[in-house]
Amino acid sequence: MKTVCINLGSNSGNNRVYMEKTIILAKTLVYNDYRVVYGGADIGLMGVLADTVIKHKGQIVGIIPQDIAAKVGHNNLTQLIVVNTLHERKQKMFELSDAFIALPGGYGTLEEIFEILTWAQLGYHHKAMGFFTINNYYKKLEEFLDNAVAEGFIKQEHRKMVVFEEDAALLLKKMKEIKIPLVNKWKDRI
């Protein structure tokens, strides 16, 4: 695990704790020599992440569609990769990253991390995934996933492949230890 993709909001949220904890995670990544990949914007939590990594002399790669880059692309990154579509962006983020962390965000953040989770569930990759649960932001999502297991829609082995943690250093530690299962999603069919 050398390169971590961070999925997070282009807004900052209504509580300053989201920015404060984003800064802590960014510093933790830099101090532990991780290269960061993210969505390439200079606004919201995305901008806070990038600015902190840059300030502390870390490496950060932004990947952003051309139409969005013209509006909110960050100009001071280690590297900014401009692509044509959101699909290309997600594919490139996946290719460059060894692990994925979701911070608070909206539809885009959830869509990006859930696509990665789905690919792991289907056996397309074995990369670590986690949610940084700032201010209990993902607590109800964690409960939802536990309920999906109880109701028979997610296998317990697949539920265990994603980490929820509120401490940045502990999140990274747990993600390094996680083993993505080689469990057939359709065990009874194939």
Protein backbone atom coordinates (compact mmCIF):
# COMPACT_ATOMS: atom_id res chain seq x y z
CA MET A 1 0.00 0.00 0.00
CA LYS A 2 1.94 2.99 -1.30
CA THR A 3 -0.67 5.10 -3.11
CA VAL A 4 -4.02 5.90 -1.51
CA CYS A 5 -6.99 7.29 -3.43
CA ILE A 6 -9.13 9.64 -1.37
CA ASN A 7 -12.78 10.14 -2.34
CA LEU A 8 -14.23 13.20 -0.61
CA GLY A 9 -16.54 16.16 -0.92
CA SER A 10 -16.17 19.18 -3.16
CA ASN A 11 -18.02 20.96 -0.34
CA SER A 12 -16.62 21.48 3.16
CA GLY A 13 -19.72 20.55 5.16
CA ASN A 14 -21.41 22.53 7.92
CA ASN A 15 -19.03 21.60 10.73
CA ARG A 16 -15.40 22.72 10.89
CA VAL A 17 -14.43 19.25 12.19
CA TYR A 18 -14.63 17.90 8.61
CA MET A 19 -11.83 20.22 7.49
CA GLU A 20 -9.81 19.65 10.67
CA LYS A 21 -9.92 15.86 10.34
CA THR A 22 -9.19 16.05 6.60
CA ILE A 23 -6.03 17.95 7.50
CA ILE A 24 -5.10 15.27 10.06
CA LEU A 25 -5.57 12.49 7.50
CA ALA A 26 -3.56 14.41 4.88
CA LYS A 27 -0.67 14.91 7.32
CA THR A 28 -0.83 11.26 8.38
CA LEU A 29 -0.61 10.15 4.75
CA VAL A 30 2.37 12.45 4.04
CA TYR A 31 4.24 11.56 7.24
CA ASN A 32 3.85 7.86 6.38
CA ASP A 33 5.15 8.39 2.82
CA TYR A 34 1.92 7.63 0.99
CA ARG A 35 1.30 9.20 -2.39
CA VAL A 36 -2.24 10.59 -2.63
CA VAL A 37 -4.61 10.35 -5.60
CA TYR A 38 -7.84 12.34 -5.58
CA GLY A 39 -10.36 14.08 -7.85
CA GLY A 40 -8.23 17.12 -8.72
CA ALA A 41 -10.39 20.00 -7.48
CA ASP A 42 -9.30 23.00 -5.41
CA ILE A 43 -12.59 23.44 -3.52
CA GLY A 44 -14.26 21.95 -0.44
CA LEU A 45 -12.61 19.07 1.41
CA MET A 46 -10.85 18.20 -1.85
CA GLY A 47 -9.00 21.52 -1.75
CA VAL A 48 -8.22 21.13 1.96
CA LEU A 49 -6.71 17.69 1.32
CA ALA A 50 -4.60 18.87 -1.62
CA ASP A 51 -3.40 22.06 0.05
CA THR A 52 -2.36 20.16 3.18
CA VAL A 53 -0.46 17.48 1.25
CA ILE A 54 1.33 20.19 -0.76
CA LYS A 55 2.12 22.26 2.33
CA HIS A 56 3.73 19.24 4.01
CA LYS A 57 5.73 18.33 0.90
CA GLY A 58 3.80 15.20 -0.02
CA GLN A 59 2.97 13.89 -3.46
CA ILE A 60 -0.57 14.35 -4.74
CA VAL A 61 -2.03 13.45 -8.11
CA GLY A 62 -5.34 14.92 -9.20
CA ILE A 63 -7.50 13.34 -11.88
CA ILE A 64 -10.27 15.50 -13.25
CA PRO A 65 -12.54 15.69 -16.31
CA GLN A 66 -11.71 18.51 -18.70
CA ASP A 67 -14.99 20.42 -18.25
CA ILE A 68 -14.65 20.38 -14.46
CA ALA A 69 -10.92 21.21 -14.57
CA ALA A 70 -11.69 24.49 -16.30
CA LYS A 71 -13.86 25.52 -13.34
CA VAL A 72 -12.23 24.08 -10.20
CA GLY A 73 -9.03 22.26 -11.18
CA HIS A 74 -6.16 22.57 -8.69
CA ASN A 75 -3.08 24.15 -10.31
CA ASN A 76 -0.37 23.33 -7.75
CA LEU A 77 -0.40 19.54 -7.57
CA THR A 78 2.47 17.13 -8.08
CA GLN A 79 0.55 16.08 -11.19
CA LEU A 80 -2.86 16.95 -12.64
CA ILE A 81 -4.24 14.44 -15.13
CA VAL A 82 -7.08 15.82 -17.24
CA VAL A 83 -9.40 13.22 -18.77
CA ASN A 84 -12.52 13.41 -20.92
CA THR A 85 -15.15 11.74 -18.72
CA LEU A 86 -15.96 10.77 -15.15
CA HIS A 87 -15.64 7.11 -16.16
CA GLU A 88 -12.08 7.73 -17.36
CA ARG A 89 -11.38 9.57 -14.12
CA LYS A 90 -12.52 6.64 -11.97
CA GLN A 91 -10.61 4.12 -14.07
CA LYS A 92 -7.40 6.16 -13.84
CA MET A 93 -7.84 6.65 -10.07
CA PHE A 94 -8.25 2.89 -9.74
CA GLU A 95 -5.18 2.11 -11.87
CA LEU A 96 -2.91 4.47 -9.90
CA SER A 97 -4.07 3.47 -6.40
CA ASP A 98 -3.36 0.61 -4.01
CA ALA A 99 -6.11 1.53 -1.52
CA PHE A 100 -9.21 3.75 -1.25
CA ILE A 101 -10.57 5.91 1.54
CA ALA A 102 -13.89 7.77 1.56
CA LEU A 103 -14.18 10.93 3.62
CA PRO A 104 -17.44 12.81 4.03
CA GLY A 105 -19.00 13.79 0.73
CA GLY A 106 -22.14 13.49 -1.32
CA TYR A 107 -23.38 11.45 -4.25
CA GLY A 108 -20.07 11.47 -6.13
CA THR A 109 -18.06 10.31 -3.12
CA LEU A 110 -20.46 7.46 -2.41
CA GLU A 111 -20.68 6.45 -6.05
CA GLU A 112 -16.89 6.29 -6.38
CA ILE A 113 -16.24 4.22 -3.26
CA PHE A 114 -19.19 1.88 -3.86
CA GLU A 115 -18.03 1.13 -7.37
CA ILE A 116 -14.65 0.12 -5.92
CA LEU A 117 -16.40 -2.00 -3.26
CA THR A 118 -18.51 -3.68 -5.92
CA TRP A 119 -15.45 -4.50 -8.03
CA ALA A 120 -13.82 -6.09 -4.97
CA GLN A 121 -16.95 -8.07 -4.17
CA LEU A 122 -16.92 -9.43 -7.73
CA GLY A 123 -13.23 -10.34 -7.43
CA TYR A 124 -11.87 -7.73 -9.87
CA HIS A 125 -9.33 -6.48 -7.32
CA HIS A 126 -7.99 -7.03 -3.81
CA LYS A 127 -7.20 -3.46 -2.79
CA ALA A 128 -7.97 -2.13 0.70
CA MET A 129 -10.98 0.15 1.25
CA GLY A 130 -12.06 2.27 4.20
CA PHE A 131 -14.35 5.00 5.44
CA PHE A 132 -12.94 7.80 7.59
CA THR A 133 -15.91 8.35 9.90
CA ILE A 134 -15.45 12.00 10.81
CA ASN A 135 -18.14 13.22 13.22
CA ASN A 136 -19.96 9.86 12.86
CA TYR A 137 -20.70 10.83 9.24
CA TYR A 138 -20.70 7.22 8.03
CA LYS A 139 -22.14 5.61 11.18
CA LYS A 140 -25.59 5.03 9.65
CA LEU A 141 -23.98 3.68 6.48
CA GLU A 142 -22.02 1.20 8.59
CA GLU A 143 -25.28 0.18 10.29
CA PHE A 144 -26.95 -0.13 6.88
CA LEU A 145 -24.25 -2.51 5.65
CA ASP A 146 -24.54 -4.59 8.83
CA ASN A 147 -28.29 -4.77 8.25
CA ALA A 148 -27.73 -5.79 4.62
CA VAL A 149 -25.70 -8.74 5.95
CA ALA A 150 -28.42 -9.63 8.47
CA GLU A 151 -31.05 -9.48 5.71
CA GLY A 152 -28.98 -11.66 3.35
CA PHE A 153 -28.02 -9.10 0.70
CA ILE A 154 -24.30 -8.89 1.48
CA LYS A 155 -22.14 -11.81 2.55
CA GLN A 156 -20.39 -11.37 5.92
CA GLU A 157 -17.03 -11.94 4.21
CA HIS A 158 -17.73 -9.05 1.84
CA ARG A 159 -18.85 -6.80 4.68
CA LYS A 160 -15.52 -7.38 6.41
CA MET A 161 -13.56 -6.14 3.39
CA VAL A 162 -14.23 -2.50 4.25
CA VAL A 163 -12.98 -0.69 7.35
CA PHE A 164 -14.81 2.08 9.24
CA GLU A 165 -12.56 4.10 11.55
CA GLU A 166 -12.47 7.59 13.11
CA ASP A 167 -8.72 7.71 13.81
CA ALA A 168 -6.56 8.39 10.73
CA ALA A 169 -3.50 6.37 11.79
CA LEU A 170 -5.62 3.44 12.97
CA LEU A 171 -7.60 3.49 9.71
CA LEU A 172 -4.39 3.13 7.69
CA LYS A 173 -3.11 0.40 10.00
CA LYS A 174 -6.35 -1.60 9.70
CA MET A 175 -6.40 -1.14 5.93
CA LYS A 176 -2.87 -2.56 5.62
CA GLU A 177 -3.99 -5.64 7.56
CA ILE A 178 -7.25 -6.28 5.72
CA LYS A 179 -7.54 -9.29 3.43
CA ILE A 180 -10.06 -9.05 0.61
CA PRO A 181 -11.88 -12.39 0.50
CA LEU A 182 -11.92 -14.70 -2.47
CA VAL A 183 -15.57 -15.54 -1.87
CA ASN A 184 -17.87 -16.22 -4.77
CA LYS A 185 -20.73 -13.73 -4.61
CA TRP A 186 -23.04 -16.35 -6.10
CA LYS A 187 -21.71 -19.35 -4.18
CA ASP A 188 -24.86 -21.36 -4.77
CA ARG A 189 -24.89 -20.75 -8.55
CA ILE A 190 -21.33 -21.02 -9.82
